[in-house]
């Protein structure tokens, strides 16, 4: 009984390590800050993918989202504030 329990604990530990290793290797967002996703209007699903390692399934549309957009133009200088006390 104790041997089976030990094997189960070791197997669970190995499975956890493999899962965490897979998560650590994922690149969402990618090195350019883009989040790649797949959308299916038919099934109502929207899921992130680790592009280019993963691709959208048939019937899905790839939607890419910039995590950080381009910088905008500088705004106009505002009026001077009142002097402090």
PDB file of N, CA and C in Angstrom:
ATOM      1  N   UNK A   1       0.805  -1.179   0.000  1.00  0.00           N
ATOM      2  CA  UNK A   1       0.000   0.000   0.000  1.00  0.00           C
ATOM      3  C   UNK A   1       0.867   1.270   0.000  1.00  0.00           C
ATOM      4  N   UNK A   2       1.931   1.293   0.824  1.00  0.00           N
ATOM      5  CA  UNK A   2       2.798   2.458   0.895  1.00  0.00           C
ATOM      6  C   UNK A   2       3.576   2.650  -0.414  1.00  0.00           C
ATOM      7  N   UNK A   3       3.937   1.555  -1.088  1.00  0.00           N
ATOM      8  CA  UNK A   3       4.674   1.650  -2.347  1.00  0.00           C
ATOM      9  C   UNK A   3       3.801   2.308  -3.406  1.00  0.00           C
ATOM     10  N   UNK A   4       2.531   1.901  -3.485  1.00  0.00           N
ATOM     11  CA  UNK A   4       1.624   2.494  -4.464  1.00  0.00           C
ATOM     12  C   UNK A   4       1.424   3.981  -4.193  1.00  0.00           C
ATOM     13  N   UNK A   5       1.326   4.342  -2.927  1.00  0.00           N
ATOM     14  CA  UNK A   5       1.150   5.752  -2.576  1.00  0.00           C
ATOM     15  C   UNK A   5       2.392   6.560  -2.957  1.00  0.00           C
ATOM     16  N   UNK A   6       3.569   5.979  -2.724  1.00  0.00           N
ATOM     17  CA  UNK A   6       4.817   6.649  -3.093  1.00  0.00           C
ATOM     18  C   UNK A   6       4.929   6.846  -4.591  1.00  0.00           C
ATOM     19  N   UNK A   7       4.534   5.828  -5.352  1.00  0.00           N
ATOM     20  CA  UNK A   7       4.560   5.935  -6.810  1.00  0.00           C
ATOM     21  C   UNK A   7       3.597   7.028  -7.269  1.00  0.00           C
ATOM     22  N   UNK A   8       2.424   7.096  -6.653  1.00  0.00           N
ATOM     23  CA  UNK A   8       1.437   8.123  -7.013  1.00  0.00           C
ATOM     24  C   UNK A   8       1.969   9.517  -6.710  1.00  0.00           C
ATOM     25  N   UNK A   9       2.653   9.685  -5.581  1.00  0.00           N
ATOM     26  CA  UNK A   9       3.207  10.982  -5.221  1.00  0.00           C
ATOM     27  C   UNK A   9       4.308  11.385  -6.199  1.00  0.00           C
ATOM     28  N   UNK A  10       5.177  10.442  -6.554  1.00  0.00           N
ATOM     29  CA  UNK A  10       6.240  10.729  -7.513  1.00  0.00           C
ATOM     30  C   UNK A  10       5.644  11.068  -8.876  1.00  0.00           C
ATOM     31  N   UNK A  11       4.642  10.318  -9.312  1.00  0.00           N
ATOM     32  CA  UNK A  11       4.007  10.573 -10.605  1.00  0.00           C
ATOM     33  C   UNK A  11       3.356  11.952 -10.622  1.00  0.00           C
ATOM     34  N   UNK A  12       2.710  12.327  -9.531  1.00  0.00           N
ATOM     35  CA  UNK A  12       2.089  13.647  -9.446  1.00  0.00           C
ATOM     36  C   UNK A  12       3.156  14.744  -9.504  1.00  0.00           C
ATOM     37  N   UNK A  13       4.271  14.517  -8.843  1.00  0.00           N
ATOM     38  CA  UNK A  13       5.359  15.494  -8.870  1.00  0.00           C
ATOM     39  C   UNK A  13       5.946  15.661 -10.263  1.00  0.00           C
ATOM     40  N   UNK A  14       6.132  14.551 -10.960  1.00  0.00           N
ATOM     41  CA  UNK A  14       6.663  14.608 -12.324  1.00  0.00           C
ATOM     42  C   UNK A  14       5.677  15.332 -13.233  1.00  0.00           C
ATOM     43  N   UNK A  15       4.387  15.018 -13.110  1.00  0.00           N
ATOM     44  CA  UNK A  15       3.369  15.672 -13.935  1.00  0.00           C
ATOM     45  C   UNK A  15       3.340  17.174 -13.673  1.00  0.00           C
ATOM     46  N   UNK A  16       3.456  17.568 -12.425  1.00  0.00           N
ATOM     47  CA  UNK A  16       3.470  18.991 -12.076  1.00  0.00           C
ATOM     48  C   UNK A  16       4.693  19.676 -12.659  1.00  0.00           C
ATOM     49  N   UNK A  17       5.855  19.055 -12.552  1.00  0.00           N
ATOM     50  CA  UNK A  17       7.080  19.636 -13.100  1.00  0.00           C
ATOM     51  C   UNK A  17       6.985  19.795 -14.610  1.00  0.00           C
ATOM     52  N   UNK A  18       6.434  18.804 -15.287  1.00  0.00           N
ATOM     53  CA  UNK A  18       6.277  18.899 -16.739  1.00  0.00           C
ATOM     54  C   UNK A  18       5.309  20.012 -17.116  1.00  0.00           C
ATOM     55  N   UNK A  19       4.223  20.141 -16.384  1.00  0.00           N
ATOM     56  CA  UNK A  19       3.244  21.193 -16.672  1.00  0.00           C
ATOM     57  C   UNK A  19       3.851  22.574 -16.459  1.00  0.00           C
ATOM     58  N   UNK A  20       4.584  22.749 -15.365  1.00  0.00           N
ATOM     59  CA  UNK A  20       5.209  24.039 -15.092  1.00  0.00           C
ATOM     60  C   UNK A  20       6.298  24.342 -16.104  1.00  0.00           C
ATOM     61  N   UNK A  21       7.016  23.357 -16.545  1.00  0.00           N
ATOM     62  CA  UNK A  21       8.029  23.552 -17.576  1.00  0.00           C
ATOM     63  C   UNK A  21       7.401  24.000 -18.876  1.00  0.00           C
ATOM     64  N   UNK A  22       6.248  23.443 -19.208  1.00  0.00           N
ATOM     65  CA  UNK A  22       5.539  23.855 -20.416  1.00  0.00           C
ATOM     66  C   UNK A  22       5.057  25.289 -20.313  1.00  0.00           C
ATOM     67  N   UNK A  23       4.600  25.691 -19.134  1.00  0.00           N
ATOM     68  CA  UNK A  23       4.160  27.064 -18.951  1.00  0.00           C
ATOM     69  C   UNK A  23       5.323  28.036 -19.032  1.00  0.00           C
ATOM     70  N   UNK A  24       6.453  27.637 -18.495  1.00  0.00           N
ATOM     71  CA  UNK A  24       7.621  28.512 -18.516  1.00  0.00           C
ATOM     72  C   UNK A  24       8.115  28.722 -19.938  1.00  0.00           C
ATOM     73  N   UNK A  25       7.912  27.750 -20.811  1.00  0.00           N
ATOM     74  CA  UNK A  25       8.368  27.870 -22.190  1.00  0.00           C
ATOM     75  C   UNK A  25       7.413  28.648 -23.063  1.00  0.00           C
ATOM     76  N   UNK A  26       6.210  28.912 -22.600  1.00  0.00           N
ATOM     77  CA  UNK A  26       5.236  29.636 -23.402  1.00  0.00           C
ATOM     78  C   UNK A  26       5.651  31.097 -23.550  1.00  0.00           C
ATOM     79  N   UNK A  27       5.333  31.675 -24.684  1.00  0.00           N
ATOM     80  CA  UNK A  27       5.700  33.060 -24.946  1.00  0.00           C
ATOM     81  C   UNK A  27       4.458  33.866 -25.268  1.00  0.00           C
ATOM     82  N   UNK A  28       3.651  34.114 -24.259  1.00  0.00           N
ATOM     83  CA  UNK A  28       2.453  34.930 -24.437  1.00  0.00           C
ATOM     84  C   UNK A  28       2.582  36.093 -23.468  1.00  0.00           C
ATOM     85  N   UNK A  29       2.744  37.301 -23.897  1.00  0.00           N
ATOM     86  CA  UNK A  29       2.907  37.771 -25.268  1.00  0.00           C
ATOM     87  C   UNK A  29       4.276  37.400 -25.827  1.00  0.00           C
ATOM     88  N   UNK A  30       4.422  37.542 -27.159  1.00  0.00           N
ATOM     89  CA  UNK A  30       5.699  37.195 -27.786  1.00  0.00           C
ATOM     90  C   UNK A  30       6.742  38.274 -27.509  1.00  0.00           C
ATOM     91  N   UNK A  31       7.925  38.122 -28.074  1.00  0.00           N
ATOM     92  CA  UNK A  31       9.026  39.047 -27.794  1.00  0.00           C
ATOM     93  C   UNK A  31       8.755  40.470 -28.284  1.00  0.00           C
ATOM     94  N   UNK A  32       7.794  40.650 -29.193  1.00  0.00           N
ATOM     95  CA  UNK A  32       7.426  41.984 -29.675  1.00  0.00           C
ATOM     96  C   UNK A  32       6.253  42.577 -28.896  1.00  0.00           C
ATOM     97  N   UNK A  33       5.786  41.862 -27.849  1.00  0.00           N
ATOM     98  CA  UNK A  33       4.683  42.351 -27.046  1.00  0.00           C
ATOM     99  C   UNK A  33       3.313  42.091 -27.651  1.00  0.00           C
ATOM    100  N   UNK A  34       3.233  41.188 -28.642  1.00  0.00           N
ATOM    101  CA  UNK A  34       1.964  40.889 -29.301  1.00  0.00           C
ATOM    102  C   UNK A  34       1.344  39.643 -28.678  1.00  0.00           C
ATOM    103  N   UNK A  35       0.061  39.718 -28.382  1.00  0.00           N
ATOM    104  CA  UNK A  35      -0.694  38.576 -27.880  1.00  0.00           C
ATOM    105  C   UNK A  35      -1.458  38.002 -29.060  1.00  0.00           C
ATOM    106  N   UNK A  36      -1.210  36.738 -29.377  1.00  0.00           N
ATOM    107  CA  UNK A  36      -1.874  36.065 -30.495  1.00  0.00           C
ATOM    108  C   UNK A  36      -3.040  35.255 -29.940  1.00  0.00           C
ATOM    109  N   UNK A  37      -4.213  35.381 -30.563  1.00  0.00           N
ATOM    110  CA  UNK A  37      -5.401  34.668 -30.111  1.00  0.00           C
ATOM    111  C   UNK A  37      -6.139  34.081 -31.302  1.00  0.00           C
ATOM    112  N   UNK A  38      -7.042  33.151 -31.018  1.00  0.00           N
ATOM    113  CA  UNK A  38      -7.910  32.555 -32.032  1.00  0.00           C
ATOM    114  C   UNK A  38      -9.348  32.742 -31.585  1.00  0.00           C
ATOM    115  N   UNK A  39     -10.189  33.178 -32.513  1.00  0.00           N
ATOM    116  CA  UNK A  39     -11.590  33.442 -32.219  1.00  0.00           C
ATOM    117  C   UNK A  39     -12.479  32.606 -33.126  1.00  0.00           C
ATOM    118  N   UNK A  40     -13.508  32.012 -32.549  1.00  0.00           N
ATOM    119  CA  UNK A  40     -14.500  31.261 -33.310  1.00  0.00           C
ATOM    120  C   UNK A  40     -15.871  31.834 -33.007  1.00  0.00           C
ATOM    121  N   UNK A  41     -16.468  32.487 -33.999  1.00  0.00           N
ATOM    122  CA  UNK A  41     -17.802  33.046 -33.814  1.00  0.00           C
ATOM    123  C   UNK A  41     -18.831  31.926 -33.668  1.00  0.00           C
ATOM    124  N   UNK A  42     -18.629  30.825 -34.403  1.00  0.00           N
ATOM    125  CA  UNK A  42     -19.578  29.711 -34.375  1.00  0.00           C
ATOM    126  C   UNK A  42     -19.704  29.088 -32.983  1.00  0.00           C
ATOM    127  N   UNK A  43     -18.560  28.891 -32.299  1.00  0.00           N
ATOM    128  CA  UNK A  43     -18.612  28.260 -30.974  1.00  0.00           C
ATOM    129  C   UNK A  43     -18.521  29.277 -29.840  1.00  0.00           C
ATOM    130  N   UNK A  44     -18.257  30.544 -30.173  1.00  0.00           N
ATOM    131  CA  UNK A  44     -18.172  31.580 -29.142  1.00  0.00           C
ATOM    132  C   UNK A  44     -16.933  31.470 -28.279  1.00  0.00           C
ATOM    133  N   UNK A  45     -15.841  30.933 -28.839  1.00  0.00           N
ATOM    134  CA  UNK A  45     -14.611  30.792 -28.062  1.00  0.00           C
ATOM    135  C   UNK A  45     -13.560  31.787 -28.528  1.00  0.00           C
ATOM    136  N   UNK A  46     -12.736  32.189 -27.579  1.00  0.00           N
ATOM    137  CA  UNK A  46     -11.615  33.079 -27.850  1.00  0.00           C
ATOM    138  C   UNK A  46     -10.491  32.623 -26.943  1.00  0.00           C
ATOM    139  N   UNK A  47      -9.365  32.209 -27.520  1.00  0.00           N
ATOM    140  CA  UNK A  47      -8.298  31.621 -26.716  1.00  0.00           C
ATOM    141  C   UNK A  47      -6.942  32.153 -27.149  1.00  0.00           C
ATOM    142  N   UNK A  48      -6.018  32.345 -26.187  1.00  0.00           N
ATOM    143  CA  UNK A  48      -4.658  32.748 -26.540  1.00  0.00           C
ATOM    144  C   UNK A  48      -3.890  31.555 -27.095  1.00  0.00           C
ATOM    145  N   UNK A  49      -2.938  31.823 -27.983  1.00  0.00           N
ATOM    146  CA  UNK A  49      -2.071  30.768 -28.512  1.00  0.00           C
ATOM    147  C   UNK A  49      -0.621  31.211 -28.399  1.00  0.00           C
ATOM    148  N   UNK A  50       0.271  30.247 -28.388  1.00  0.00           N
ATOM    149  CA  UNK A  50       1.713  30.508 -28.364  1.00  0.00           C
ATOM    150  C   UNK A  50       2.205  30.442 -29.813  1.00  0.00           C
ATOM    151  N   UNK A  51       1.969  31.514 -30.573  1.00  0.00           N
ATOM    152  CA  UNK A  51       2.321  31.586 -31.985  1.00  0.00           C
ATOM    153  C   UNK A  51       3.823  31.749 -32.123  1.00  0.00           C
ATOM    154  N   UNK A  52       4.513  31.134 -33.027  1.00  0.00           N
ATOM    155  CA  UNK A  52       4.057  30.305 -34.134  1.00  0.00           C
ATOM    156  C   UNK A  52       3.995  28.817 -33.803  1.00  0.00           C
ATOM    157  N   UNK A  53       4.294  28.461 -32.553  1.00  0.00           N
ATOM    158  CA  UNK A  53       4.258  27.045 -32.172  1.00  0.00           C
ATOM    159  C   UNK A  53       2.838  26.487 -32.251  1.00  0.00           C
ATOM    160  N   UNK A  54       1.858  27.306 -31.942  1.00  0.00           N
ATOM    161  CA  UNK A  54       0.463  26.895 -32.041  1.00  0.00           C
ATOM    162  C   UNK A  54      -0.211  27.715 -33.135  1.00  0.00           C
ATOM    163  N   UNK A  55      -1.182  27.130 -33.771  1.00  0.00           N
ATOM    164  CA  UNK A  55      -1.937  27.808 -34.827  1.00  0.00           C
ATOM    165  C   UNK A  55      -3.420  27.708 -34.528  1.00  0.00           C
ATOM    166  N   UNK A  56      -4.217  28.560 -35.175  1.00  0.00           N
ATOM    167  CA  UNK A  56      -5.663  28.500 -35.026  1.00  0.00           C
ATOM    168  C   UNK A  56      -6.196  27.252 -35.711  1.00  0.00           C
ATOM    169  N   UNK A  57      -7.298  26.741 -35.179  1.00  0.00           N
ATOM    170  CA  UNK A  57      -7.956  25.572 -35.759  1.00  0.00           C
ATOM    171  C   UNK A  57      -8.817  26.021 -36.939  1.00  0.00           C
ATOM    172  N   UNK A  58      -9.266  25.057 -37.733  1.00  0.00           N
ATOM    173  CA  UNK A  58     -10.166  25.364 -38.833  1.00  0.00           C
ATOM    174  C   UNK A  58     -11.422  26.047 -38.308  1.00  0.00           C
ATOM    175  N   UNK A  59     -11.874  27.080 -38.974  1.00  0.00           N
ATOM    176  CA  UNK A  59     -13.054  27.809 -38.532  1.00  0.00           C
ATOM    177  C   UNK A  59     -12.756  28.915 -37.543  1.00  0.00           C
ATOM    178  N   UNK A  60     -11.508  29.047 -37.111  1.00  0.00           N
ATOM    179  CA  UNK A  60     -11.124  30.120 -36.198  1.00  0.00           C
ATOM    180  C   UNK A  60     -10.410  31.219 -36.977  1.00  0.00           C
ATOM    181  N   UNK A  61     -10.492  32.432 -36.465  1.00  0.00           N
ATOM    182  CA  UNK A  61      -9.811  33.578 -37.049  1.00  0.00           C
ATOM    183  C   UNK A  61      -8.737  34.024 -36.066  1.00  0.00           C
ATOM    184  N   UNK A  62      -7.532  34.268 -36.581  1.00  0.00           N
ATOM    185  CA  UNK A  62      -6.458  34.734 -35.701  1.00  0.00           C
ATOM    186  C   UNK A  62      -6.594  36.234 -35.490  1.00  0.00           C
ATOM    187  N   UNK A  63      -6.587  36.635 -34.222  1.00  0.00           N
ATOM    188  CA  UNK A  63      -6.627  38.044 -33.849  1.00  0.00           C
ATOM    189  C   UNK A  63      -5.379  38.335 -33.033  1.00  0.00           C
ATOM    190  N   UNK A  64      -4.591  39.296 -33.479  1.00  0.00           N
ATOM    191  CA  UNK A  64      -3.371  39.682 -32.780  1.00  0.00           C
ATOM    192  C   UNK A  64      -3.586  41.023 -32.096  1.00  0.00           C
ATOM    193  N   UNK A  65      -3.143  41.113 -30.853  1.00  0.00           N
ATOM    194  CA  UNK A  65      -3.362  42.300 -30.042  1.00  0.00           C
ATOM    195  C   UNK A  65      -2.014  42.783 -29.533  1.00  0.00           C
ATOM    196  N   UNK A  66      -1.730  44.075 -29.720  1.00  0.00           N
ATOM    197  CA  UNK A  66      -0.509  44.641 -29.165  1.00  0.00           C
ATOM    198  C   UNK A  66      -0.704  44.872 -27.685  1.00  0.00           C
ATOM    199  N   UNK A  67       0.218  44.363 -26.901  1.00  0.00           N
ATOM    200  CA  UNK A  67       0.154  44.592 -25.466  1.00  0.00           C
ATOM    201  C   UNK A  67       0.443  46.069 -25.195  1.00  0.00           C
ATOM    202  N   UNK A  68       1.341  46.635 -25.956  1.00  0.00           N
ATOM    203  CA  UNK A  68       1.692  48.043 -25.806  1.00  0.00           C
ATOM    204  C   UNK A  68       1.628  48.667 -27.190  1.00  0.00           C
ATOM    205  N   UNK A  69       0.797  49.652 -27.347  1.00  0.00           N
ATOM    206  CA  UNK A  69       0.646  50.318 -28.636  1.00  0.00           C
ATOM    207  C   UNK A  69       1.764  51.308 -28.889  1.00  0.00           C
ATOM    208  N   UNK A  70       1.790  51.870 -30.084  1.00  0.00           N
ATOM    209  CA  UNK A  70       2.821  52.861 -30.408  1.00  0.00           C
ATOM    210  C   UNK A  70       2.605  54.146 -29.599  1.00  0.00           C
ATOM    211  N   UNK A  71       3.674  54.872 -29.374  1.00  0.00           N
ATOM    212  CA  UNK A  71       3.585  56.137 -28.648  1.00  0.00           C
ATOM    213  C   UNK A  71       2.825  57.160 -29.478  1.00  0.00           C
ATOM    214  N   UNK A  72       2.014  57.934 -28.816  1.00  0.00           N
ATOM    215  CA  UNK A  72       1.282  59.005 -29.493  1.00  0.00           C
ATOM    216  C   UNK A  72       2.120  60.275 -29.550  1.00  0.00           C
ATOM    217  N   UNK A  73       1.582  61.247 -30.282  1.00  0.00           N
ATOM    218  CA  UNK A  73       2.268  62.544 -30.414  1.00  0.00           C
ATOM    219  C   UNK A  73       2.200  63.282 -29.065  1.00  0.00           C
ATOM    220  N   UNK A  74       3.194  64.105 -28.821  1.00  0.00           N
ATOM    221  CA  UNK A  74       3.220  64.894 -27.591  1.00  0.00           C
ATOM    222  C   UNK A  74       2.074  65.891 -27.599  1.00  0.00           C
ATOM    223  N   UNK A  75       1.453  66.086 -26.468  1.00  0.00           N
ATOM    224  CA  UNK A  75       0.359  67.046 -26.353  1.00  0.00           C
ATOM    225  C   UNK A  75       0.883  68.458 -26.190  1.00  0.00           C
ATOM    226  N   UNK A  76      -0.039  69.418 -26.290  1.00  0.00           N
ATOM    227  CA  UNK A  76       0.315  70.824 -26.137  1.00  0.00           C
ATOM    228  C   UNK A  76       0.660  71.123 -24.681  1.00  0.00           C
ATOM    229  N   UNK A  77       1.513  72.088 -24.470  1.00  0.00           N
ATOM    230  CA  UNK A  77       1.883  72.496 -23.122  1.00  0.00           C
ATOM    231  C   UNK A  77       0.714  73.199 -22.465  1.00  0.00           C
ATOM    232  N   UNK A  78       0.419  72.827 -21.261  1.00  0.00           N
ATOM    233  CA  UNK A  78      -0.703  73.432 -20.524  1.00  0.00           C
ATOM    234  C   UNK A  78      -0.314  74.776 -19.921  1.00  0.00           C
ATOM    235  N   UNK A  79      -1.308  75.501 -19.415  1.00  0.00           N
ATOM    236  CA  UNK A  79      -1.042  76.811 -18.800  1.00  0.00           C
ATOM    237  C   UNK A  79      -0.257  76.635 -17.494  1.00  0.00           C
ATOM    238  N   UNK A  80       0.457  77.669 -17.128  1.00  0.00           N
ATOM    239  CA  UNK A  80       1.248  77.631 -15.892  1.00  0.00           C
ATOM    240  C   UNK A  80       0.308  77.608 -14.691  1.00  0.00           C
ATOM    241  N   UNK A  81       0.671  76.875 -13.683  1.00  0.00           N
ATOM    242  CA  UNK A  81      -0.125  76.809 -12.463  1.00  0.00           C
ATOM    243  C   UNK A  81       0.168  77.975 -11.539  1.00  0.00           C
ATOM    244  N   UNK A  82      -0.701  78.153 -10.549  1.00  0.00           N
ATOM    245  CA  UNK A  82      -0.526  79.235  -9.557  1.00  0.00           C
ATOM    246  C   UNK A  82       0.661  78.927  -8.667  1.00  0.00           C
ATOM    247  N   UNK A  83       1.311  79.986  -8.180  1.00  0.00           N
ATOM    248  CA  UNK A  83       2.434  79.825  -7.253  1.00  0.00           C
ATOM    249  C   UNK A  83       1.929  79.252  -5.935  1.00  0.00           C
ATOM    250  N   UNK A  84       2.764  78.448  -5.300  1.00  0.00           N
ATOM    251  CA  UNK A  84       2.422  77.885  -4.004  1.00  0.00           C
ATOM    252  C   UNK A  84       2.541  78.895  -2.890  1.00  0.00           C
ATOM    253  N   UNK A  85       2.054  78.559  -1.719  1.00  0.00           N
ATOM    254  CA  UNK A  85       2.107  79.477  -0.569  1.00  0.00           C
ATOM    255  C   UNK A  85       3.408  79.432   0.134  1.00  0.00           C
TER     256      UNK A  85
END
